[in-house]
Amino acid sequence: MQKRYDIVIYDSERKPFMLVECKAQTVPITDKTVSQATAYNLTLNAKYILLTNGVTTIILRKTSQGYIQQKTIPHLK
């Protein structure tokens, strides 16, 4: 089964910069939601993941060690 991403933002080199996963307001952002998004990113390999349900937003930056939560949305250069 092929994954259909909600939103993918590409950088100027046409590489995936950010994967955005949008959930309904009634769907909480949990560890399971984060694990699902990071699994989707295994093939996409975006530098950032943004998860939101319109109430809660989590931004993650990919590192060689895994993911680190960010406080702000990064700027696309």
C-alpha atoms as a PDB file:
ATOM      1  CA  MET A   1       0.000   0.000   0.000  1.00  0.00           C
ATOM      2  CA  GLN A   2       1.371   3.390  -1.001  1.00  0.00           C
ATOM      3  CA  LYS A   3       1.279   6.221   1.571  1.00  0.00           C
ATOM      4  CA  ARG A   4      -0.471   9.395   0.508  1.00  0.00           C
ATOM      5  CA  TYR A   5       1.029  12.275   2.446  1.00  0.00           C
ATOM      6  CA  ASP A   6      -1.213  15.111   3.636  1.00  0.00           C
ATOM      7  CA  ILE A   7       1.268  17.858   2.716  1.00  0.00           C
ATOM      8  CA  VAL A   8       4.913  17.796   1.630  1.00  0.00           C
ATOM      9  CA  ILE A   9       6.918  21.025   1.407  1.00  0.00           C
ATOM     10  CA  TYR A  10       9.972  20.900  -0.839  1.00  0.00           C
ATOM     11  CA  ASP A  11      13.087  23.073  -0.668  1.00  0.00           C
ATOM     12  CA  SER A  12      14.636  24.947  -3.590  1.00  0.00           C
ATOM     13  CA  GLU A  13      16.567  21.814  -4.570  1.00  0.00           C
ATOM     14  CA  ARG A  14      13.282  19.881  -4.773  1.00  0.00           C
ATOM     15  CA  LYS A  15      14.147  17.781  -1.734  1.00  0.00           C
ATOM     16  CA  PRO A  16      11.483  17.095   0.908  1.00  0.00           C
ATOM     17  CA  PHE A  17      11.832  19.789   3.582  1.00  0.00           C
ATOM     18  CA  MET A  18       8.766  19.131   5.735  1.00  0.00           C
ATOM     19  CA  LEU A  19       6.139  16.434   6.043  1.00  0.00           C
ATOM     20  CA  VAL A  20       2.862  17.802   7.435  1.00  0.00           C
ATOM     21  CA  GLU A  21       0.341  15.374   8.892  1.00  0.00           C
ATOM     22  CA  CYS A  22      -3.110  16.792   9.607  1.00  0.00           C
ATOM     23  CA  LYS A  23      -5.498  15.067  11.977  1.00  0.00           C
ATOM     24  CA  ALA A  24      -9.090  15.862  12.930  1.00  0.00           C
ATOM     25  CA  GLN A  25      -9.564  18.008  16.049  1.00  0.00           C
ATOM     26  CA  THR A  26     -10.975  14.962  17.819  1.00  0.00           C
ATOM     27  CA  VAL A  27      -7.786  12.950  17.188  1.00  0.00           C
ATOM     28  CA  PRO A  28      -5.196  13.629  19.899  1.00  0.00           C
ATOM     29  CA  ILE A  29      -1.527  13.930  18.989  1.00  0.00           C
ATOM     30  CA  THR A  30      -0.024  11.001  20.906  1.00  0.00           C
ATOM     31  CA  ASP A  31       3.131   8.890  20.801  1.00  0.00           C
ATOM     32  CA  LYS A  32       1.280   6.609  18.384  1.00  0.00           C
ATOM     33  CA  THR A  33       0.576   9.547  16.048  1.00  0.00           C
ATOM     34  CA  VAL A  34       4.222  10.629  16.207  1.00  0.00           C
ATOM     35  CA  SER A  35       5.406   7.064  15.495  1.00  0.00           C
ATOM     36  CA  GLN A  36       3.082   6.866  12.497  1.00  0.00           C
ATOM     37  CA  ALA A  37       4.451  10.114  11.042  1.00  0.00           C
ATOM     38  CA  THR A  38       8.088   9.145  11.594  1.00  0.00           C
ATOM     39  CA  ALA A  39       7.400   5.803   9.889  1.00  0.00           C
ATOM     40  CA  TYR A  40       5.929   7.671   6.892  1.00  0.00           C
ATOM     41  CA  ASN A  41       9.088   9.751   6.783  1.00  0.00           C
ATOM     42  CA  LEU A  42      11.366   6.710   6.425  1.00  0.00           C
ATOM     43  CA  THR A  43      10.966   6.787   2.646  1.00  0.00           C
ATOM     44  CA  LEU A  44      10.317  10.523   2.231  1.00  0.00           C
ATOM     45  CA  ASN A  45      13.271  11.565   4.415  1.00  0.00           C
ATOM     46  CA  ALA A  46      12.088  15.124   5.102  1.00  0.00           C
ATOM     47  CA  LYS A  47      14.185  17.231   7.479  1.00  0.00           C
ATOM     48  CA  TYR A  48      11.103  18.224   9.530  1.00  0.00           C
ATOM     49  CA  ILE A  49       7.737  16.750  10.491  1.00  0.00           C
ATOM     50  CA  LEU A  50       4.802  18.881  11.602  1.00  0.00           C
ATOM     51  CA  LEU A  51       1.815  17.135  13.202  1.00  0.00           C
ATOM     52  CA  THR A  52      -1.358  19.054  13.939  1.00  0.00           C
ATOM     53  CA  ASN A  53      -4.982  18.522  14.827  1.00  0.00           C
ATOM     54  CA  GLY A  54      -5.756  22.253  14.807  1.00  0.00           C
ATOM     55  CA  VAL A  55      -5.476  22.394  18.602  1.00  0.00           C
ATOM     56  CA  THR A  56      -2.072  20.846  19.234  1.00  0.00           C
ATOM     57  CA  THR A  57       0.922  21.180  16.924  1.00  0.00           C
ATOM     58  CA  ILE A  58       4.199  19.303  17.259  1.00  0.00           C
ATOM     59  CA  ILE A  59       7.272  20.049  15.155  1.00  0.00           C
ATOM     60  CA  LEU A  60      10.092  17.523  14.928  1.00  0.00           C
ATOM     61  CA  ARG A  61      13.549  17.916  13.371  1.00  0.00           C
ATOM     62  CA  LYS A  62      15.258  14.811  12.035  1.00  0.00           C
ATOM     63  CA  THR A  63      18.802  14.143  13.276  1.00  0.00           C
ATOM     64  CA  SER A  64      21.197  11.243  12.871  1.00  0.00           C
ATOM     65  CA  GLN A  65      20.041  10.069  16.312  1.00  0.00           C
ATOM     66  CA  GLY A  66      16.273  10.309  15.677  1.00  0.00           C
ATOM     67  CA  TYR A  67      13.976  13.311  16.138  1.00  0.00           C
ATOM     68  CA  ILE A  68      14.147  16.392  18.343  1.00  0.00           C
ATOM     69  CA  GLN A  69      11.058  18.453  19.150  1.00  0.00           C
ATOM     70  CA  GLN A  70      11.237  22.090  18.006  1.00  0.00           C
ATOM     71  CA  LYS A  71       9.438  25.103  19.471  1.00  0.00           C
ATOM     72  CA  THR A  72       9.037  27.033  16.219  1.00  0.00           C
ATOM     73  CA  ILE A  73       8.370  26.308  12.579  1.00  0.00           C
ATOM     74  CA  PRO A  74      11.637  26.435  10.658  1.00  0.00           C
ATOM     75  CA  HIS A  75      12.146  28.848   7.765  1.00  0.00           C
ATOM     76  CA  LEU A  76      12.430  27.392   4.300  1.00  0.00           C
ATOM     77  CA  LYS A  77      15.571  28.682   2.606  1.00  0.00           C
END
